[in-house]
């Protein structure tokens, strides 16, 4: 552990001591907190000497002192809400400010029998017995250090439970907003989702930073998909260019379950996303789609891991990146086929488009295969726009800038087209089109 790690760890230990008395308590929860904090203190901040953090330095976070958010922030104005929220989305909506639930901005409506959608803090206030079998049971805090830090401070977030055989006809929309606070805040929401046997739900997890506050958001999402359950998960990150975001999604899938992830990153100064899906029952399937746009001096790191632990499981991963200016990105996708996980079918692809000579991508698709009867493939590409395609568009009357813009939008739109929710897809298409260099031709195509 380096001196920087020790310093950073000490800051968070002191912060925990200051707020511990304000956190939801309970015998099992107190023990969970202490165990998580001990693990984080022992391991410290990862450095570039750690293989999984080889290309991502946390120096900018390390040198700052972040103050744990208290939930005392002012309620956002209607104008702020309208700008941040997804327009035209018919959903069960929960709004959080600095990681804390705001009931006055949320609306669940009438929920079907067997469905719980609400604040994690409310469930913990009742003793948390319904959460005890699930909280920190899917996330591996030994593997993910920041998941351990989140667990130590866990106080609020979202709690979703869908009983066996229940299908939600509306998606659950979790909108996380950052306030404008004088001190740089440490924001640590927790999202806990349990979909029992044959349950079906859509989940939108949306992070926006309308005030560009420079906060540090450290979020953990745990999803337990029972036998035959279906979960479609939209993970959208739109922080301002001063924000820091480290997030991890942990999924446990039982037999014949299906998990679909749409992970889109469009903001932040330093962002790291980990997605870890584990196939624990035969017939389980995971689809991981991702799009990231990185420009100026942004740094974005996507790490995915899919564990095929049993036979007859499948996964399909498709990530694309658009980089411009001095943007820097990392993609590391790992598929692990465990011993005896025969008949695994896994595919992985990462394509990257560099629009500037200063942009940089480090991509590393990986396969670890310990079974012999499998079908696995992986690949990655890094390059510029196709000159023949540019020539064709210019021959049809577009100037060079417009032709580049149209081709870049088509490259990114390939991922967005996989989204089933039209309001989400429409919002993202507009944002992507607005950030492309050119004359605004792509915006006219939407």
Protein backbone atom coordinates (compact mmCIF):
# COMPACT_ATOMS: atom_id res chain seq x y z
CA UNK A 1 0.00 0.00 0.00
CA UNK A 2 1.37 3.39 -0.95
CA UNK A 3 1.41 6.52 1.19
CA UNK A 4 -1.38 7.91 -0.95
CA UNK A 5 -3.50 4.86 -0.20
CA UNK A 6 -2.93 5.25 3.53
CA UNK A 7 -3.86 8.92 3.42
CA UNK A 8 -7.05 8.27 1.46
CA UNK A 9 -8.10 5.40 3.68
CA UNK A 10 -7.57 7.48 6.80
CA UNK A 11 -9.80 10.25 5.43
CA UNK A 12 -12.69 7.83 4.96
CA UNK A 13 -12.14 6.22 8.34
CA UNK A 14 -12.40 9.64 9.97
CA UNK A 15 -15.50 10.47 7.91
CA UNK A 16 -17.12 7.21 9.01
CA UNK A 17 -16.37 7.97 12.67
CA UNK A 18 -18.05 11.36 12.27
CA UNK A 19 -21.29 10.06 10.74
CA UNK A 20 -21.57 6.55 12.20
CA UNK A 21 -24.09 7.66 14.83
CA UNK A 22 -26.36 9.02 12.07
CA UNK A 23 -26.38 5.83 10.02
CA UNK A 24 -29.16 3.24 10.30
CA UNK A 25 -28.13 0.76 12.99
CA UNK A 26 -28.91 -2.80 13.95
CA UNK A 27 -26.94 -5.83 15.04
CA UNK A 28 -26.48 -7.47 11.66
CA UNK A 29 -26.04 -4.16 9.85
CA UNK A 30 -23.46 -2.81 12.29
CA UNK A 31 -21.39 -5.94 11.84
CA UNK A 32 -21.69 -5.67 8.06
CA UNK A 33 -20.52 -2.07 8.15
CA UNK A 34 -17.51 -2.77 10.33
CA UNK A 35 -16.45 -5.75 8.22
CA UNK A 36 -16.68 -3.70 5.03
CA UNK A 37 -14.77 -0.73 6.48
CA UNK A 38 -12.05 -3.05 7.78
CA UNK A 39 -11.64 -4.57 4.34
CA UNK A 40 -11.46 -1.16 2.66
CA UNK A 41 -8.96 0.12 5.23
CA UNK A 42 -6.79 -2.95 4.78
CA UNK A 43 -6.73 -2.88 0.97
CA UNK A 44 -6.78 0.90 0.45
CA UNK A 45 -7.24 2.75 -2.81
CA UNK A 46 -6.25 0.80 -5.93
CA UNK A 47 -3.26 2.17 -7.82
CA UNK A 48 -1.96 1.76 -11.35
CA UNK A 49 0.15 -1.11 -10.02
CA UNK A 50 -3.09 -3.10 -9.70
CA UNK A 51 -3.75 -4.88 -12.99
CA UNK A 52 -7.46 -3.94 -13.04
CA UNK A 53 -6.54 -0.27 -12.55
CA UNK A 54 -3.46 -0.23 -14.75
CA UNK A 55 -4.67 2.61 -16.97
CA UNK A 56 -6.77 4.53 -14.43
CA UNK A 57 -5.16 6.74 -11.81
CA UNK A 58 -7.25 7.90 -8.86
CA UNK A 59 -4.84 10.70 -7.98
CA UNK A 60 -7.44 13.42 -8.59
CA UNK A 61 -9.82 11.79 -6.10
CA UNK A 62 -7.04 10.88 -3.70
CA UNK A 63 -5.81 14.44 -3.26
CA UNK A 64 -9.24 15.82 -2.31
CA UNK A 65 -11.25 15.50 0.87
CA UNK A 66 -14.90 14.66 0.29
CA UNK A 67 -17.55 15.19 2.94
CA UNK A 68 -20.29 12.54 3.30
CA UNK A 69 -23.63 13.88 2.08
CA UNK A 70 -26.26 14.27 4.80
CA UNK A 71 -29.49 14.52 2.86
CA UNK A 72 -30.00 18.15 3.87
CA UNK A 73 -29.77 19.56 0.34
CA UNK A 74 -32.47 21.85 -0.99
CA UNK A 75 -35.14 20.29 -3.18
CA UNK A 76 -34.42 20.97 -6.87
CA UNK A 77 -36.62 23.40 -8.75
CA UNK A 78 -39.20 22.20 -11.26
CA UNK A 79 -37.04 23.60 -14.03
CA UNK A 80 -34.03 21.58 -12.85
CA UNK A 81 -36.16 18.45 -12.61
CA UNK A 82 -37.61 18.90 -16.09
CA UNK A 83 -34.15 19.36 -17.59
CA UNK A 84 -32.72 16.30 -15.87
CA UNK A 85 -35.59 13.84 -16.19
CA UNK A 86 -36.32 11.76 -19.30
CA UNK A 87 -39.16 13.39 -21.17
CA UNK A 88 -42.24 11.35 -22.06
CA UNK A 89 -41.32 8.38 -19.90
CA UNK A 90 -44.28 6.59 -18.28
CA UNK A 91 -42.65 5.03 -15.25
CA UNK A 92 -42.65 4.45 -11.52
CA UNK A 93 -40.30 7.27 -10.47
CA UNK A 94 -38.08 7.59 -7.42
CA UNK A 95 -35.93 10.72 -7.13
CA UNK A 96 -32.80 11.02 -5.01
CA UNK A 97 -30.77 14.13 -4.22
CA UNK A 98 -27.18 13.51 -3.13
CA UNK A 99 -28.14 9.86 -2.72
CA UNK A 100 -31.15 10.49 -0.44
CA UNK A 101 -34.76 9.76 -1.34
CA UNK A 102 -37.04 12.77 -1.94
CA UNK A 103 -40.65 11.68 -1.59
CA UNK A 104 -42.17 14.93 -2.85
CA UNK A 105 -40.52 14.49 -6.27
CA UNK A 106 -41.31 10.80 -6.55
CA UNK A 107 -44.43 8.96 -7.59
CA UNK A 108 -44.99 5.22 -7.52
CA UNK A 109 -48.72 5.15 -8.15
CA UNK A 110 -50.63 1.98 -7.45
CA UNK A 111 -48.26 -0.97 -7.42
CA UNK A 112 -49.30 -4.56 -8.19
CA UNK A 113 -49.54 -7.02 -5.33
CA UNK A 114 -46.18 -8.52 -4.56
CA UNK A 115 -44.17 -5.44 -5.61
CA UNK A 116 -42.14 -3.24 -3.29
CA UNK A 117 -40.55 -0.08 -4.67
CA UNK A 118 -39.22 2.42 -2.18
CA UNK A 119 -36.44 3.94 -0.17
CA UNK A 120 -33.71 1.75 1.24
CA UNK A 121 -33.61 4.02 4.30
CA UNK A 122 -37.27 3.26 5.07
CA UNK A 123 -36.62 -0.46 4.93
CA UNK A 124 -33.56 -0.11 7.18
CA UNK A 125 -35.53 2.04 9.65
CA UNK A 126 -37.91 -0.88 10.18
CA UNK A 127 -35.03 -3.06 11.27
CA UNK A 128 -34.02 -4.20 7.84
CA UNK A 129 -35.03 -7.83 8.31
CA UNK A 130 -36.38 -7.99 4.74
CA UNK A 131 -33.03 -6.70 3.45
CA UNK A 132 -30.75 -8.93 5.52
CA UNK A 133 -30.91 -11.95 3.16
CA UNK A 134 -30.02 -9.75 0.16
CA UNK A 135 -27.89 -6.73 1.09
CA UNK A 136 -24.19 -7.30 0.27
CA UNK A 137 -24.95 -10.89 -0.75
CA UNK A 138 -24.44 -10.36 -4.50
CA UNK A 139 -21.72 -7.69 -4.43
CA UNK A 140 -18.29 -9.11 -3.75
CA UNK A 141 -16.71 -6.56 -1.43
CA UNK A 142 -13.50 -8.58 -1.33
CA UNK A 143 -13.10 -8.09 -5.10
CA UNK A 144 -14.47 -4.55 -5.34
CA UNK A 145 -12.91 -2.16 -2.84
CA UNK A 146 -15.32 0.69 -3.49
CA UNK A 147 -18.25 -1.67 -2.98
CA UNK A 148 -16.82 -2.24 0.48
CA UNK A 149 -16.65 1.54 1.07
CA UNK A 150 -20.27 1.93 -0.05
CA UNK A 151 -21.36 -0.91 2.25
CA UNK A 152 -19.69 0.71 5.24
CA UNK A 153 -21.65 3.95 4.70
CA UNK A 154 -24.90 2.48 3.33
CA UNK A 155 -27.89 4.54 4.46
CA UNK A 156 -30.24 5.20 1.54
CA UNK A 157 -30.96 4.31 -2.05
CA UNK A 158 -33.58 2.17 -3.74
CA UNK A 159 -35.14 -1.13 -2.66
CA UNK A 160 -37.03 -3.11 -5.32
CA UNK A 161 -38.65 -6.47 -4.75
CA UNK A 162 -40.83 -8.23 -7.34
CA UNK A 163 -42.54 -11.41 -6.20
CA UNK A 164 -42.62 -14.64 -8.14
CA UNK A 165 -44.63 -14.51 -11.36
CA UNK A 166 -45.26 -10.74 -11.25
CA UNK A 167 -44.57 -8.59 -14.32
CA UNK A 168 -44.29 -4.82 -13.98
CA UNK A 169 -45.99 -3.09 -16.91
CA UNK A 170 -44.03 0.12 -16.27
CA UNK A 171 -40.28 0.53 -15.78
CA UNK A 172 -38.90 1.73 -12.46
CA UNK A 173 -37.07 5.02 -13.00
CA UNK A 174 -34.42 5.95 -10.42
CA UNK A 175 -33.24 9.52 -10.94
CA UNK A 176 -30.15 10.52 -8.95
CA UNK A 177 -29.39 14.24 -8.85
CA UNK A 178 -26.40 16.03 -7.36
CA UNK A 179 -26.99 19.31 -5.56
CA UNK A 180 -24.80 22.37 -5.50
CA UNK A 181 -22.98 22.15 -2.17
CA UNK A 182 -20.11 24.28 -0.92
CA UNK A 183 -18.05 21.27 0.14
CA UNK A 184 -17.27 18.48 -2.28
CA UNK A 185 -19.62 15.70 -1.31
CA UNK A 186 -19.23 11.95 -1.06
CA UNK A 187 -22.50 10.51 -2.40
CA UNK A 188 -23.04 6.78 -1.86
CA UNK A 189 -26.47 5.44 -2.84
CA UNK A 190 -27.25 1.73 -2.88
CA UNK A 191 -29.63 0.01 -5.29
CA UNK A 192 -30.94 -3.39 -4.26
CA UNK A 193 -33.12 -5.38 -6.66
CA UNK A 194 -34.66 -8.80 -6.09
CA UNK A 195 -36.65 -10.35 -8.94
CA UNK A 196 -38.02 -13.70 -7.84
CA UNK A 197 -38.87 -16.70 -10.01
CA UNK A 198 -40.51 -15.72 -13.35
CA UNK A 199 -40.67 -12.03 -12.36
CA UNK A 200 -40.14 -9.38 -15.01
CA UNK A 201 -39.14 -5.73 -14.66
CA UNK A 202 -37.43 -2.83 -16.38
CA UNK A 203 -35.08 -0.61 -14.40
CA UNK A 204 -33.63 2.79 -15.35
CA UNK A 205 -30.76 4.03 -13.19
CA UNK A 206 -30.02 7.62 -14.23
CA UNK A 207 -27.29 9.87 -12.78
CA UNK A 208 -27.40 13.57 -13.62
CA UNK A 209 -25.47 16.51 -12.23
CA UNK A 210 -27.28 19.70 -13.26
CA UNK A 211 -25.07 21.89 -11.08
CA UNK A 212 -21.76 20.29 -12.16
CA UNK A 213 -20.88 20.06 -8.49
CA UNK A 214 -17.66 18.07 -8.60
CA UNK A 215 -19.07 15.51 -6.17
CA UNK A 216 -17.73 11.98 -5.82
CA UNK A 217 -20.49 9.43 -6.42
CA UNK A 218 -19.72 5.88 -5.33
CA UNK A 219 -22.70 3.63 -6.09
CA UNK A 220 -23.36 -0.09 -5.82
CA UNK A 221 -26.21 -1.92 -7.53
CA UNK A 222 -27.07 -5.49 -6.60
CA UNK A 223 -29.49 -7.50 -8.74
CA UNK A 224 -30.72 -10.97 -7.87
CA UNK A 225 -32.56 -12.65 -10.76
CA UNK A 226 -34.46 -15.77 -9.76
CA UNK A 227 -35.26 -18.75 -11.93
CA UNK A 228 -36.77 -17.56 -15.22
CA UNK A 229 -36.71 -13.89 -14.14
CA UNK A 230 -36.13 -11.12 -16.70
CA UNK A 231 -34.45 -7.82 -15.85
CA UNK A 232 -33.72 -5.08 -18.39
CA UNK A 233 -31.40 -2.48 -16.89
CA UNK A 234 -30.64 0.99 -18.30
CA UNK A 235 -27.60 2.58 -16.65
CA UNK A 236 -27.23 6.20 -17.74
CA UNK A 237 -24.49 8.54 -16.53
CA UNK A 238 -24.70 12.27 -17.37
CA UNK A 239 -22.52 14.01 -14.78
CA UNK A 240 -21.00 17.40 -15.49
CA UNK A 241 -17.37 17.58 -16.52
CA UNK A 242 -16.27 18.14 -12.91
CA UNK A 243 -17.94 15.06 -11.44
CA UNK A 244 -16.34 11.82 -10.24
CA UNK A 245 -18.22 8.56 -10.48
CA UNK A 246 -17.28 5.01 -9.48
CA UNK A 247 -20.05 2.47 -9.83
CA UNK A 248 -20.40 -1.28 -9.78
CA UNK A 249 -23.28 -3.52 -10.82
CA UNK A 250 -23.39 -7.05 -9.44
CA UNK A 251 -25.83 -9.59 -10.89
CA UNK A 252 -26.58 -13.13 -9.72
CA UNK A 253 -28.59 -15.15 -12.25
CA UNK A 254 -30.41 -18.39 -11.56
CA UNK A 255 -31.57 -20.95 -14.14
CA UNK A 256 -33.21 -19.59 -17.32
CA UNK A 257 -32.99 -15.98 -16.14
CA UNK A 258 -32.14 -13.15 -18.51
CA UNK A 259 -30.33 -9.91 -17.70
CA UNK A 260 -30.01 -7.14 -20.32
CA UNK A 261 -27.79 -4.13 -19.60
CA UNK A 262 -27.67 -0.84 -21.53
CA UNK A 263 -24.74 1.10 -20.09
CA UNK A 264 -24.33 4.64 -21.52
CA UNK A 265 -21.72 7.10 -20.27
CA UNK A 266 -21.76 10.69 -21.50
CA UNK A 267 -20.17 12.81 -18.77
CA UNK A 268 -17.87 13.05 -15.79
CA UNK A 269 -14.24 14.01 -15.27
CA UNK A 270 -13.22 10.57 -14.02
CA UNK A 271 -15.61 7.64 -14.33
CA UNK A 272 -15.23 3.93 -13.65
CA UNK A 273 -17.96 1.33 -14.17
CA UNK A 274 -17.71 -2.33 -13.23
CA UNK A 275 -20.39 -4.81 -14.28
CA UNK A 276 -20.12 -8.35 -12.92
CA UNK A 277 -22.70 -10.95 -13.97
CA UNK A 278 -22.61 -14.49 -12.64
CA UNK A 279 -24.46 -17.38 -14.35
CA UNK A 280 -25.40 -19.68 -11.49
CA UNK A 281 -28.12 -21.78 -13.15
CA UNK A 282 -28.37 -23.54 -16.49
CA UNK A 283 -30.08 -21.57 -19.24
CA UNK A 284 -29.11 -18.19 -17.78
CA UNK A 285 -28.29 -15.50 -20.33
CA UNK A 286 -26.76 -12.02 -20.12
CA UNK A 287 -26.65 -9.28 -22.76
CA UNK A 288 -24.33 -6.32 -22.10
CA UNK A 289 -24.60 -3.34 -24.43
CA UNK A 290 -22.56 -0.19 -23.89
CA UNK A 291 -21.82 3.20 -25.40
CA UNK A 292 -19.40 5.83 -24.17
CA UNK A 293 -18.45 9.27 -25.47
CA UNK A 294 -15.29 10.78 -24.08
CA UNK A 295 -13.90 14.20 -24.93
CA UNK A 296 -11.88 17.12 -23.65
CA UNK A 297 -9.90 15.77 -20.68
CA UNK A 298 -12.39 13.14 -19.57
CA UNK A 299 -11.31 9.69 -18.44
CA UNK A 300 -13.69 6.73 -18.58
CA UNK A 301 -13.02 3.14 -17.57
CA UNK A 302 -15.43 0.27 -18.31
CA UNK A 303 -14.70 -3.11 -16.74
CA UNK A 304 -17.03 -6.04 -17.30
CA UNK A 305 -16.83 -9.61 -16.10
CA UNK A 306 -19.16 -12.47 -16.94
CA UNK A 307 -18.74 -15.72 -15.01
CA UNK A 308 -20.21 -18.84 -16.63
CA UNK A 309 -20.23 -21.13 -13.61
CA UNK A 310 -22.52 -23.90 -14.90
CA UNK A 311 -23.23 -25.58 -18.27
CA UNK A 312 -25.61 -24.28 -20.95
CA UNK A 313 -25.36 -20.53 -20.35
CA UNK A 314 -24.83 -17.65 -22.75
CA UNK A 315 -23.64 -14.08 -22.89
CA UNK A 316 -23.34 -11.43 -25.60
CA UNK A 317 -21.40 -8.22 -25.05
CA UNK A 318 -21.33 -5.28 -27.46
CA UNK A 319 -19.60 -2.02 -26.46
CA UNK A 320 -18.70 1.00 -28.58
CA UNK A 321 -16.74 4.13 -27.80
CA UNK A 322 -16.47 7.54 -29.47
CA UNK A 323 -13.45 9.59 -28.41
CA UNK A 324 -12.54 13.15 -29.34
CA UNK A 325 -10.33 15.98 -28.08
CA UNK A 326 -8.01 14.64 -25.39
CA UNK A 327 -10.47 12.02 -24.20
CA UNK A 328 -9.09 8.84 -22.64
CA UNK A 329 -10.99 5.57 -22.23
CA UNK A 330 -10.36 2.06 -21.01
CA UNK A 331 -12.31 -1.07 -21.84
CA UNK A 332 -11.58 -4.38 -20.15
CA UNK A 333 -14.09 -7.15 -20.77
CA UNK A 334 -13.49 -10.56 -19.26
CA UNK A 335 -15.46 -13.74 -19.85
CA UNK A 336 -14.64 -16.63 -17.53
CA UNK A 337 -15.86 -20.11 -18.44
CA UNK A 338 -15.40 -22.22 -15.34
CA UNK A 339 -14.53 -25.87 -15.19
CA UNK A 340 -17.42 -28.12 -16.27
CA UNK A 341 -19.36 -25.13 -17.69
CA UNK A 342 -19.80 -27.01 -20.95
CA UNK A 343 -21.95 -25.72 -23.84
CA UNK A 344 -21.22 -22.10 -22.92
CA UNK A 345 -21.90 -19.67 -25.77
CA UNK A 346 -20.20 -16.30 -25.21
CA UNK A 347 -19.38 -13.42 -27.54
CA UNK A 348 -17.69 -10.11 -26.83
CA UNK A 349 -16.86 -7.10 -29.00
CA UNK A 350 -15.52 -3.61 -28.38
CA UNK A 351 -15.36 -1.09 -31.25
CA UNK A 352 -13.79 2.35 -30.85
CA UNK A 353 -13.80 5.41 -33.03
CA UNK A 354 -11.06 8.02 -32.57
CA UNK A 355 -12.00 11.46 -33.90
CA UNK A 356 -8.84 13.22 -32.71
CA UNK A 357 -5.12 12.38 -32.80
CA UNK A 358 -5.00 13.21 -29.07
CA UNK A 359 -7.74 10.74 -28.08
CA UNK A 360 -6.68 7.40 -26.61
CA UNK A 361 -8.28 4.04 -25.86
CA UNK A 362 -6.83 1.02 -24.06
CA UNK A 363 -8.96 -2.00 -24.88
CA UNK A 364 -8.47 -5.50 -23.56
CA UNK A 365 -11.09 -8.16 -24.29
CA UNK A 366 -10.29 -11.39 -22.42
CA UNK A 367 -11.41 -15.01 -22.40
CA UNK A 368 -10.53 -17.46 -19.63
CA UNK A 369 -11.78 -20.90 -20.59
CA UNK A 370 -11.49 -23.96 -18.37
CA UNK A 371 -14.01 -26.16 -20.22
CA UNK A 372 -13.51 -27.81 -23.62
CA UNK A 373 -16.98 -27.91 -25.22
CA UNK A 374 -17.73 -24.20 -25.63
CA UNK A 375 -18.36 -21.58 -28.30
CA UNK A 376 -16.58 -18.32 -27.45
CA UNK A 377 -15.39 -15.34 -29.47
CA UNK A 378 -14.00 -11.91 -28.71
CA UNK A 379 -12.57 -8.95 -30.58
CA UNK A 380 -11.77 -5.26 -30.53
CA UNK A 381 -11.22 -2.54 -33.12
CA UNK A 382 -9.72 0.93 -32.89
CA UNK A 383 -9.72 3.29 -35.84
CA UNK A 384 -10.98 6.32 -37.69
CA UNK A 385 -13.91 6.86 -40.02
CA UNK A 386 -13.89 4.88 -43.24
CA UNK A 387 -12.55 6.98 -46.11
CA UNK A 388 -14.68 5.19 -48.72
CA UNK A 389 -17.84 5.90 -46.72
CA UNK A 390 -16.84 9.54 -46.36
CA UNK A 391 -16.20 9.80 -50.09
CA UNK A 392 -19.61 8.26 -50.83
CA UNK A 393 -21.46 10.75 -48.61
CA UNK A 394 -19.53 13.68 -50.06
CA UNK A 395 -20.44 12.49 -53.56
CA UNK A 396 -24.07 12.77 -52.45
CA UNK A 397 -23.73 16.43 -51.58
CA UNK A 398 -22.55 16.52 -47.95
CA UNK A 399 -19.50 18.53 -47.02
CA UNK A 400 -16.64 16.87 -45.14
CA UNK A 401 -17.80 17.95 -41.65
CA UNK A 402 -21.38 16.83 -42.24
CA UNK A 403 -20.26 13.49 -43.66
CA UNK A 404 -18.09 12.80 -40.61
CA UNK A 405 -20.94 13.73 -38.30
CA UNK A 406 -23.44 11.42 -40.02
CA UNK A 407 -21.06 8.46 -39.98
CA UNK A 408 -20.15 9.01 -36.32
CA UNK A 409 -23.81 9.21 -35.32
CA UNK A 410 -24.52 5.98 -37.19
CA UNK A 411 -21.60 4.31 -35.38
CA UNK A 412 -22.96 5.30 -31.95
CA UNK A 413 -26.61 4.81 -32.89
CA UNK A 414 -25.93 1.15 -33.55
CA UNK A 415 -25.86 0.63 -29.77
CA UNK A 416 -28.78 2.94 -28.99
CA UNK A 417 -30.97 1.08 -31.49
CA UNK A 418 -30.86 -1.94 -29.19
CA UNK A 419 -32.87 -0.06 -26.54
CA UNK A 420 -36.53 -0.95 -26.30
CA UNK A 421 -37.70 2.15 -24.41
CA UNK A 422 -38.29 4.86 -27.03
CA UNK A 423 -38.16 7.88 -24.63
CA UNK A 424 -34.76 6.78 -23.30
CA UNK A 425 -33.42 6.10 -26.77
CA UNK A 426 -34.71 9.46 -28.06
CA UNK A 427 -33.07 11.43 -25.23
CA UNK A 428 -29.73 9.74 -25.74
CA UNK A 429 -29.83 10.19 -29.49
CA UNK A 430 -30.32 13.92 -29.02
CA UNK A 431 -27.45 14.18 -26.56
CA UNK A 432 -25.11 12.18 -28.77
CA UNK A 433 -26.04 14.22 -31.85
CA UNK A 434 -25.53 17.52 -29.99
CA UNK A 435 -21.97 16.60 -29.01
CA UNK A 436 -20.73 15.60 -32.43
CA UNK A 437 -18.43 18.00 -34.29
CA UNK A 438 -20.13 19.27 -37.43
CA UNK A 439 -23.01 21.39 -38.62
CA UNK A 440 -25.83 19.70 -36.73
CA UNK A 441 -26.81 17.39 -39.57
CA UNK A 442 -27.23 14.42 -37.20
CA UNK A 443 -29.78 16.33 -35.12
CA UNK A 444 -31.90 16.79 -38.23
CA UNK A 445 -31.92 13.01 -38.74
CA UNK A 446 -33.54 12.25 -35.39
